[in-house]
PDB file of N, CA and C in Angstrom:
ATOM      1  N   UNK A   1     -18.768  -6.106  -6.103  1.00  0.00           N
ATOM      2  CA  UNK A   1     -19.796  -5.716  -6.325  1.00  0.00           C
ATOM      3  C   UNK A   1     -20.288  -6.525  -7.267  1.00  0.00           C
ATOM      4  N   UNK A   2     -21.492  -6.449  -7.059  1.00  0.00           N
ATOM      5  CA  UNK A   2     -22.455  -7.952  -8.245  1.00  0.00           C
ATOM      6  C   UNK A   2     -22.742  -6.938  -9.533  1.00  0.00           C
ATOM      7  N   UNK A   3     -22.449  -7.242 -10.605  1.00  0.00           N
ATOM      8  CA  UNK A   3     -22.733  -6.605 -12.166  1.00  0.00           C
ATOM      9  C   UNK A   3     -23.700  -7.816 -12.922  1.00  0.00           C
ATOM     10  N   UNK A   4     -25.156  -7.306 -12.900  1.00  0.00           N
ATOM     11  CA  UNK A   4     -26.143  -8.258 -13.124  1.00  0.00           C
ATOM     12  C   UNK A   4     -25.936  -8.489 -14.499  1.00  0.00           C
ATOM     13  N   UNK A   5     -25.239  -7.528 -15.243  1.00  0.00           N
ATOM     14  CA  UNK A   5     -25.294  -7.670 -16.673  1.00  0.00           C
ATOM     15  C   UNK A   5     -23.988  -7.899 -16.910  1.00  0.00           C
ATOM     16  N   UNK A   6     -23.042  -8.576 -16.264  1.00  0.00           N
ATOM     17  CA  UNK A   6     -21.615  -8.694 -16.707  1.00  0.00           C
ATOM     18  C   UNK A   6     -21.197  -9.543 -17.734  1.00  0.00           C
ATOM     19  N   UNK A   7     -22.040 -10.448 -17.921  1.00  0.00           N
ATOM     20  CA  UNK A   7     -21.586 -11.507 -19.467  1.00  0.00           C
ATOM     21  C   UNK A   7     -21.913 -10.729 -20.697  1.00  0.00           C
ATOM     22  N   UNK A   8     -23.107  -9.769 -20.103  1.00  0.00           N
ATOM     23  CA  UNK A   8     -23.138  -8.714 -21.819  1.00  0.00           C
ATOM     24  C   UNK A   8     -22.052  -7.973 -22.014  1.00  0.00           C
ATOM     25  N   UNK A   9     -21.542  -7.437 -20.718  1.00  0.00           N
ATOM     26  CA  UNK A   9     -20.789  -5.867 -20.618  1.00  0.00           C
ATOM     27  C   UNK A   9     -19.378  -6.661 -21.597  1.00  0.00           C
ATOM     28  N   UNK A  10     -19.137  -7.896 -21.210  1.00  0.00           N
ATOM     29  CA  UNK A  10     -17.838  -8.797 -21.722  1.00  0.00           C
ATOM     30  C   UNK A  10     -18.071  -9.444 -23.266  1.00  0.00           C
ATOM     31  N   UNK A  11     -19.069  -9.257 -23.779  1.00  0.00           N
ATOM     32  CA  UNK A  11     -18.987  -9.711 -25.042  1.00  0.00           C
ATOM     33  C   UNK A  11     -18.711  -8.458 -25.785  1.00  0.00           C
ATOM     34  N   UNK A  12     -17.713  -9.378 -26.727  1.00  0.00           N
ATOM     35  CA  UNK A  12     -17.366  -8.762 -27.698  1.00  0.00           C
ATOM     36  C   UNK A  12     -18.113  -8.582 -28.586  1.00  0.00           C
ATOM     37  N   UNK A  13     -17.754  -7.605 -29.257  1.00  0.00           N
ATOM     38  CA  UNK A  13     -18.309  -7.670 -31.464  1.00  0.00           C
ATOM     39  C   UNK A  13     -17.598  -8.790 -32.373  1.00  0.00           C
ATOM     40  N   UNK A  14     -16.544  -8.662 -32.245  1.00  0.00           N
ATOM     41  CA  UNK A  14     -15.715  -9.742 -32.563  1.00  0.00           C
ATOM     42  C   UNK A  14     -14.430  -9.762 -31.796  1.00  0.00           C
ATOM     43  N   UNK A  15     -13.652 -11.039 -32.177  1.00  0.00           N
ATOM     44  CA  UNK A  15     -12.865 -11.425 -31.270  1.00  0.00           C
ATOM     45  C   UNK A  15     -11.580 -10.033 -31.595  1.00  0.00           C
ATOM     46  N   UNK A  16     -10.874 -10.206 -29.980  1.00  0.00           N
ATOM     47  CA  UNK A  16     -10.018  -9.105 -29.868  1.00  0.00           C
ATOM     48  C   UNK A  16     -10.499  -7.825 -29.769  1.00  0.00           C
ATOM     49  N   UNK A  17     -11.926  -7.327 -30.280  1.00  0.00           N
ATOM     50  CA  UNK A  17     -12.587  -6.111 -30.086  1.00  0.00           C
ATOM     51  C   UNK A  17     -12.634  -5.265 -28.309  1.00  0.00           C
ATOM     52  N   UNK A  18     -12.510  -4.352 -28.230  1.00  0.00           N
ATOM     53  CA  UNK A  18     -12.479  -3.959 -26.645  1.00  0.00           C
ATOM     54  C   UNK A  18     -13.861  -4.033 -26.514  1.00  0.00           C
ATOM     55  N   UNK A  19     -14.111  -4.720 -24.928  1.00  0.00           N
ATOM     56  CA  UNK A  19     -15.716  -4.711 -24.398  1.00  0.00           C
ATOM     57  C   UNK A  19     -16.262  -3.271 -23.532  1.00  0.00           C
ATOM     58  N   UNK A  20     -17.320  -3.197 -23.449  1.00  0.00           N
ATOM     59  CA  UNK A  20     -17.907  -2.371 -22.654  1.00  0.00           C
ATOM     60  C   UNK A  20     -17.172  -2.612 -21.087  1.00  0.00           C
ATOM     61  N   UNK A  21     -16.664  -3.978 -21.092  1.00  0.00           N
ATOM     62  CA  UNK A  21     -16.491  -4.343 -19.582  1.00  0.00           C
ATOM     63  C   UNK A  21     -14.934  -3.699 -19.726  1.00  0.00           C
ATOM     64  N   UNK A  22     -14.246  -4.026 -20.661  1.00  0.00           N
ATOM     65  CA  UNK A  22     -12.666  -3.514 -20.467  1.00  0.00           C
ATOM     66  C   UNK A  22     -12.643  -1.664 -20.235  1.00  0.00           C
ATOM     67  N   UNK A  23     -13.583  -1.097 -20.986  1.00  0.00           N
ATOM     68  CA  UNK A  23     -13.832   0.289 -20.803  1.00  0.00           C
ATOM     69  C   UNK A  23     -14.334   0.539 -19.588  1.00  0.00           C
ATOM     70  N   UNK A  24     -15.162  -0.297 -18.520  1.00  0.00           N
ATOM     71  CA  UNK A  24     -15.570   0.065 -17.180  1.00  0.00           C
ATOM     72  C   UNK A  24     -14.293  -0.154 -16.628  1.00  0.00           C
ATOM     73  N   UNK A  25     -13.665  -1.066 -16.577  1.00  0.00           N
ATOM     74  CA  UNK A  25     -12.315  -1.441 -15.932  1.00  0.00           C
ATOM     75  C   UNK A  25     -11.217  -0.818 -16.249  1.00  0.00           C
ATOM     76  N   UNK A  26     -10.796   0.318 -17.076  1.00  0.00           N
ATOM     77  CA  UNK A  26     -10.066   1.216 -17.350  1.00  0.00           C
ATOM     78  C   UNK A  26     -10.253   2.197 -16.301  1.00  0.00           C
ATOM     79  N   UNK A  27      -9.008   2.507 -15.897  1.00  0.00           N
ATOM     80  CA  UNK A  27      -8.333   3.511 -14.452  1.00  0.00           C
ATOM     81  C   UNK A  27      -7.601   4.255 -15.475  1.00  0.00           C
ATOM     82  N   UNK A  28      -8.303   5.239 -15.948  1.00  0.00           N
ATOM     83  CA  UNK A  28      -7.800   6.562 -16.730  1.00  0.00           C
ATOM     84  C   UNK A  28      -7.247   7.449 -15.944  1.00  0.00           C
ATOM     85  N   UNK A  29      -7.622   7.993 -14.170  1.00  0.00           N
ATOM     86  CA  UNK A  29      -7.238   8.495 -13.545  1.00  0.00           C
ATOM     87  C   UNK A  29      -5.650   8.166 -13.225  1.00  0.00           C
ATOM     88  N   UNK A  30      -5.208   6.776 -13.671  1.00  0.00           N
ATOM     89  CA  UNK A  30      -3.788   6.547 -13.567  1.00  0.00           C
ATOM     90  C   UNK A  30      -2.787   7.404 -14.236  1.00  0.00           C
ATOM     91  N   UNK A  31      -3.511   7.858 -15.147  1.00  0.00           N
ATOM     92  CA  UNK A  31      -2.710   8.343 -16.294  1.00  0.00           C
ATOM     93  C   UNK A  31      -1.981   9.832 -16.039  1.00  0.00           C
ATOM     94  N   UNK A  32      -3.026  10.037 -14.496  1.00  0.00           N
ATOM     95  CA  UNK A  32      -2.375  11.676 -13.927  1.00  0.00           C
ATOM     96  C   UNK A  32      -1.860  11.191 -12.766  1.00  0.00           C
ATOM     97  N   UNK A  33      -0.471  12.518 -13.201  1.00  0.00           N
ATOM     98  CA  UNK A  33       0.838  12.007 -12.035  1.00  0.00           C
ATOM     99  C   UNK A  33       0.079  12.343 -10.605  1.00  0.00           C
ATOM    100  N   UNK A  34      -0.391  13.658 -10.797  1.00  0.00           N
ATOM    101  CA  UNK A  34      -0.549  14.139  -9.724  1.00  0.00           C
ATOM    102  C   UNK A  34      -1.588  13.509  -8.729  1.00  0.00           C
ATOM    103  N   UNK A  35      -2.767  13.096  -9.719  1.00  0.00           N
ATOM    104  CA  UNK A  35      -3.382  11.972  -8.793  1.00  0.00           C
ATOM    105  C   UNK A  35      -3.144  11.390  -8.007  1.00  0.00           C
ATOM    106  N   UNK A  36      -1.889  10.619  -8.944  1.00  0.00           N
ATOM    107  CA  UNK A  36      -0.781   9.067  -8.338  1.00  0.00           C
ATOM    108  C   UNK A  36      -0.114   9.541  -7.085  1.00  0.00           C
ATOM    109  N   UNK A  37       0.397  10.773  -7.216  1.00  0.00           N
ATOM    110  CA  UNK A  37       1.077  10.981  -5.783  1.00  0.00           C
ATOM    111  C   UNK A  37       0.379  11.448  -4.964  1.00  0.00           C
ATOM    112  N   UNK A  38      -0.700  11.608  -5.038  1.00  0.00           N
ATOM    113  CA  UNK A  38      -1.595  12.405  -4.181  1.00  0.00           C
ATOM    114  C   UNK A  38      -2.489  10.966  -3.285  1.00  0.00           C
ATOM    115  N   UNK A  39      -2.770  10.444  -4.063  1.00  0.00           N
ATOM    116  CA  UNK A  39      -3.122   8.667  -3.589  1.00  0.00           C
ATOM    117  C   UNK A  39      -2.021   8.141  -2.703  1.00  0.00           C
ATOM    118  N   UNK A  40      -1.058   8.473  -3.540  1.00  0.00           N
ATOM    119  CA  UNK A  40       0.398   7.538  -2.897  1.00  0.00           C
ATOM    120  C   UNK A  40       0.609   8.037  -1.433  1.00  0.00           C
ATOM    121  N   UNK A  41       0.663   9.188  -1.123  1.00  0.00           N
ATOM    122  CA  UNK A  41       0.482   9.904   0.061  1.00  0.00           C
ATOM    123  C   UNK A  41      -0.744   9.617   1.240  1.00  0.00           C
ATOM    124  N   UNK A  42      -1.725   9.634   0.327  1.00  0.00           N
ATOM    125  CA  UNK A  42      -2.687   9.094   1.224  1.00  0.00           C
ATOM    126  C   UNK A  42      -2.767   7.796   1.530  1.00  0.00           C
ATOM    127  N   UNK A  43      -2.040   7.016   1.224  1.00  0.00           N
ATOM    128  CA  UNK A  43      -2.006   5.730   1.494  1.00  0.00           C
ATOM    129  C   UNK A  43      -0.897   5.375   2.196  1.00  0.00           C
ATOM    130  N   UNK A  44       0.084   6.097   1.963  1.00  0.00           N
ATOM    131  CA  UNK A  44       1.632   6.030   2.969  1.00  0.00           C
ATOM    132  C   UNK A  44       1.102   6.534   4.290  1.00  0.00           C
ATOM    133  N   UNK A  45       0.107   7.738   4.593  1.00  0.00           N
ATOM    134  CA  UNK A  45      -0.378   8.108   5.830  1.00  0.00           C
ATOM    135  C   UNK A  45      -1.108   7.335   6.359  1.00  0.00           C
ATOM    136  N   UNK A  46      -2.086   6.178   5.577  1.00  0.00           N
ATOM    137  CA  UNK A  46      -2.619   5.771   6.597  1.00  0.00           C
ATOM    138  C   UNK A  46      -1.994   4.748   6.804  1.00  0.00           C
ATOM    139  N   UNK A  47      -1.140   4.171   6.428  1.00  0.00           N
ATOM    140  CA  UNK A  47      -0.129   2.745   7.151  1.00  0.00           C
ATOM    141  C   UNK A  47       0.529   3.332   8.060  1.00  0.00           C
ATOM    142  N   UNK A  48       0.640   4.625   8.420  1.00  0.00           N
ATOM    143  CA  UNK A  48       1.768   5.051   9.155  1.00  0.00           C
ATOM    144  C   UNK A  48       0.971   5.380  10.578  1.00  0.00           C
ATOM    145  N   UNK A  49      -0.162   6.451  10.047  1.00  0.00           N
ATOM    146  CA  UNK A  49      -0.783   6.579  11.351  1.00  0.00           C
ATOM    147  C   UNK A  49      -1.836   5.074  11.885  1.00  0.00           C
ATOM    148  N   UNK A  50      -2.600   4.217  10.684  1.00  0.00           N
ATOM    149  CA  UNK A  50      -3.439   3.590  11.462  1.00  0.00           C
ATOM    150  C   UNK A  50      -2.569   2.069  11.968  1.00  0.00           C
ATOM    151  N   UNK A  51      -1.659   1.970  11.027  1.00  0.00           N
ATOM    152  CA  UNK A  51      -1.445   0.770  11.229  1.00  0.00           C
ATOM    153  C   UNK A  51       0.355   0.895  12.163  1.00  0.00           C
ATOM    154  N   UNK A  52       0.958   1.855  11.949  1.00  0.00           N
ATOM    155  CA  UNK A  52       2.037   2.411  12.323  1.00  0.00           C
ATOM    156  C   UNK A  52       3.253   1.265  11.658  1.00  0.00           C
ATOM    157  N   UNK A  53       2.654   1.353  10.397  1.00  0.00           N
ATOM    158  CA  UNK A  53       3.672   0.727   9.366  1.00  0.00           C
ATOM    159  C   UNK A  53       4.389   1.956   8.703  1.00  0.00           C
ATOM    160  N   UNK A  54       5.689   1.364   8.120  1.00  0.00           N
ATOM    161  CA  UNK A  54       6.445   2.594   7.186  1.00  0.00           C
ATOM    162  C   UNK A  54       6.760   1.588   6.186  1.00  0.00           C
ATOM    163  N   UNK A  55       6.375   1.789   4.961  1.00  0.00           N
ATOM    164  CA  UNK A  55       6.567   1.097   3.710  1.00  0.00           C
ATOM    165  C   UNK A  55       8.078   0.968   3.377  1.00  0.00           C
ATOM    166  N   UNK A  56       8.763   2.311   3.848  1.00  0.00           N
ATOM    167  CA  UNK A  56      10.088   2.574   3.217  1.00  0.00           C
ATOM    168  C   UNK A  56      11.193   1.771   3.964  1.00  0.00           C
ATOM    169  N   UNK A  57      10.342   1.519   5.553  1.00  0.00           N
ATOM    170  CA  UNK A  57      11.880   0.986   6.487  1.00  0.00           C
ATOM    171  C   UNK A  57      11.359  -0.828   6.415  1.00  0.00           C
ATOM    172  N   UNK A  58       9.606  -0.797   6.054  1.00  0.00           N
ATOM    173  CA  UNK A  58       9.288  -2.278   5.924  1.00  0.00           C
ATOM    174  C   UNK A  58       8.758  -3.021   6.997  1.00  0.00           C
ATOM    175  N   UNK A  59       8.623  -1.909   8.027  1.00  0.00           N
ATOM    176  CA  UNK A  59       8.516  -2.835   9.772  1.00  0.00           C
ATOM    177  C   UNK A  59       7.317  -2.068   9.863  1.00  0.00           C
ATOM    178  N   UNK A  60       6.823  -2.689  10.977  1.00  0.00           N
ATOM    179  CA  UNK A  60       5.550  -2.199  11.984  1.00  0.00           C
ATOM    180  C   UNK A  60       6.266  -1.649  13.439  1.00  0.00           C
ATOM    181  N   UNK A  61       5.737  -0.885  13.950  1.00  0.00           N
ATOM    182  CA  UNK A  61       6.189  -0.170  14.786  1.00  0.00           C
ATOM    183  C   UNK A  61       5.284  -0.500  16.286  1.00  0.00           C
ATOM    184  N   UNK A  62       5.916  -0.295  17.508  1.00  0.00           N
ATOM    185  CA  UNK A  62       4.902  -0.790  18.639  1.00  0.00           C
ATOM    186  C   UNK A  62       4.281   0.425  19.135  1.00  0.00           C
ATOM    187  N   UNK A  63       4.424   1.655  18.623  1.00  0.00           N
ATOM    188  CA  UNK A  63       3.674   2.682  18.870  1.00  0.00           C
ATOM    189  C   UNK A  63       3.508   4.453  18.186  1.00  0.00           C
ATOM    190  N   UNK A  64       3.473   5.092  18.580  1.00  0.00           N
ATOM    191  CA  UNK A  64       3.566   5.934  17.531  1.00  0.00           C
ATOM    192  C   UNK A  64       5.103   7.256  17.684  1.00  0.00           C
ATOM    193  N   UNK A  65       4.980   6.787  18.847  1.00  0.00           N
ATOM    194  CA  UNK A  65       6.515   7.319  19.659  1.00  0.00           C
ATOM    195  C   UNK A  65       7.815   6.371  18.848  1.00  0.00           C
ATOM    196  N   UNK A  66       7.424   5.140  18.691  1.00  0.00           N
ATOM    197  CA  UNK A  66       8.820   4.289  18.226  1.00  0.00           C
ATOM    198  C   UNK A  66       8.780   4.675  17.077  1.00  0.00           C
ATOM    199  N   UNK A  67       7.654   5.029  15.876  1.00  0.00           N
ATOM    200  CA  UNK A  67       7.629   5.036  14.548  1.00  0.00           C
ATOM    201  C   UNK A  67       8.631   6.586  14.522  1.00  0.00           C
ATOM    202  N   UNK A  68       8.083   7.281  15.428  1.00  0.00           N
ATOM    203  CA  UNK A  68       8.676   8.880  15.186  1.00  0.00           C
ATOM    204  C   UNK A  68      10.138   8.615  15.538  1.00  0.00           C
ATOM    205  N   UNK A  69      10.489   7.834  16.687  1.00  0.00           N
ATOM    206  CA  UNK A  69      11.943   7.697  16.875  1.00  0.00           C
ATOM    207  C   UNK A  69      12.515   6.897  16.189  1.00  0.00           C
ATOM    208  N   UNK A  70      12.168   5.872  15.172  1.00  0.00           N
ATOM    209  CA  UNK A  70      13.116   5.070  14.521  1.00  0.00           C
ATOM    210  C   UNK A  70      13.072   5.249  13.401  1.00  0.00           C
ATOM    211  N   UNK A  71      12.014   6.145  12.737  1.00  0.00           N
ATOM    212  CA  UNK A  71      12.048   6.089  11.449  1.00  0.00           C
ATOM    213  C   UNK A  71      12.436   7.200  10.948  1.00  0.00           C
ATOM    214  N   UNK A  72      13.130   7.181   9.762  1.00  0.00           N
ATOM    215  CA  UNK A  72      13.920   8.590   9.136  1.00  0.00           C
ATOM    216  C   UNK A  72      13.236   9.798   8.744  1.00  0.00           C
ATOM    217  N   UNK A  73      11.913   9.278   8.260  1.00  0.00           N
ATOM    218  CA  UNK A  73      11.170  10.161   7.984  1.00  0.00           C
ATOM    219  C   UNK A  73       9.707   9.690   7.278  1.00  0.00           C
ATOM    220  N   UNK A  74       9.102  10.507   6.604  1.00  0.00           N
ATOM    221  CA  UNK A  74       7.919   9.934   5.586  1.00  0.00           C
ATOM    222  C   UNK A  74       8.247   8.852   4.237  1.00  0.00           C
ATOM    223  N   UNK A  75       8.785  10.142   3.380  1.00  0.00           N
ATOM    224  CA  UNK A  75       9.274   9.552   2.034  1.00  0.00           C
ATOM    225  C   UNK A  75      10.426   9.037   1.895  1.00  0.00           C
ATOM    226  N   UNK A  76      10.411   8.094   0.653  1.00  0.00           N
ATOM    227  CA  UNK A  76      11.661   7.493   0.130  1.00  0.00           C
ATOM    228  C   UNK A  76      13.073   8.028   0.603  1.00  0.00           C
ATOM    229  N   UNK A  77      13.162   9.617   0.268  1.00  0.00           N
ATOM    230  CA  UNK A  77      14.118  10.321  -0.386  1.00  0.00           C
ATOM    231  C   UNK A  77      14.887   9.947   1.830  1.00  0.00           C
ATOM    232  N   UNK A  78      13.755  10.508   2.490  1.00  0.00           N
ATOM    233  CA  UNK A  78      14.556  10.479   3.871  1.00  0.00           C
ATOM    234  C   UNK A  78      15.157   8.923   4.380  1.00  0.00           C
ATOM    235  N   UNK A  79      15.003   7.906   3.788  1.00  0.00           N
ATOM    236  CA  UNK A  79      15.145   6.740   4.133  1.00  0.00           C
ATOM    237  C   UNK A  79      16.705   6.460   3.244  1.00  0.00           C
ATOM    238  N   UNK A  80      17.024   7.036   2.339  1.00  0.00           N
ATOM    239  CA  UNK A  80      18.229   6.742   1.248  1.00  0.00           C
ATOM    240  C   UNK A  80      19.433   6.827   2.553  1.00  0.00           C
ATOM    241  N   UNK A  81      20.056   5.790   2.609  1.00  0.00           N
ATOM    242  CA  UNK A  81      21.553   6.102   3.573  1.00  0.00           C
ATOM    243  C   UNK A  81      21.266   6.516   4.907  1.00  0.00           C
ATOM    244  N   UNK A  82      19.957   6.479   5.424  1.00  0.00           N
ATOM    245  CA  UNK A  82      19.657   6.557   7.090  1.00  0.00           C
ATOM    246  C   UNK A  82      20.603   5.409   7.983  1.00  0.00           C
ATOM    247  N   UNK A  83      20.606   5.906   8.931  1.00  0.00           N
ATOM    248  CA  UNK A  83      21.476   5.005   9.943  1.00  0.00           C
ATOM    249  C   UNK A  83      20.376   5.063  10.901  1.00  0.00           C
ATOM    250  N   UNK A  84      18.926   4.202  10.388  1.00  0.00           N
ATOM    251  CA  UNK A  84      18.120   3.656  11.674  1.00  0.00           C
ATOM    252  C   UNK A  84      17.916   2.834  12.240  1.00  0.00           C
ATOM    253  N   UNK A  85      17.785   2.795  13.264  1.00  0.00           N
ATOM    254  CA  UNK A  85      17.297   1.534  14.444  1.00  0.00           C
ATOM    255  C   UNK A  85      16.205   1.018  13.225  1.00  0.00           C
ATOM    256  N   UNK A  86      15.401   1.520  12.616  1.00  0.00           N
ATOM    257  CA  UNK A  86      14.248   0.831  11.774  1.00  0.00           C
ATOM    258  C   UNK A  86      14.757   0.152  10.694  1.00  0.00           C
ATOM    259  N   UNK A  87      15.782   1.096  10.223  1.00  0.00           N
ATOM    260  CA  UNK A  87      16.135   0.196   9.038  1.00  0.00           C
ATOM    261  C   UNK A  87      17.135  -1.150   9.174  1.00  0.00           C
ATOM    262  N   UNK A  88      17.372  -1.340  10.532  1.00  0.00           N
ATOM    263  CA  UNK A  88      18.391  -2.216  10.443  1.00  0.00           C
ATOM    264  C   UNK A  88      17.501  -3.838  11.019  1.00  0.00           C
ATOM    265  N   UNK A  89      16.214  -3.369  11.284  1.00  0.00           N
ATOM    266  CA  UNK A  89      15.043  -4.540  12.066  1.00  0.00           C
ATOM    267  C   UNK A  89      14.843  -5.550  11.332  1.00  0.00           C
TER     268      UNK A  89
END
């Protein structure tokens, strides 16, 4: 995104002072654990369904059947101690 007044937003009233730019970049929603969990679930789902990739296995699969057959599950708990082909890749 192009910010036409970015320099103005970055100007501090005095050295070390917070600027309007700092406040604009602040991500308050990251303080909310429920929001973060929801966002993580959405990202993991996207990786699995669109890219056939499991973050926990650390590998890409050939197709949805390969993912389903080789990956022990959706979350990190399913991968702990798993004897999976994907884990050995």
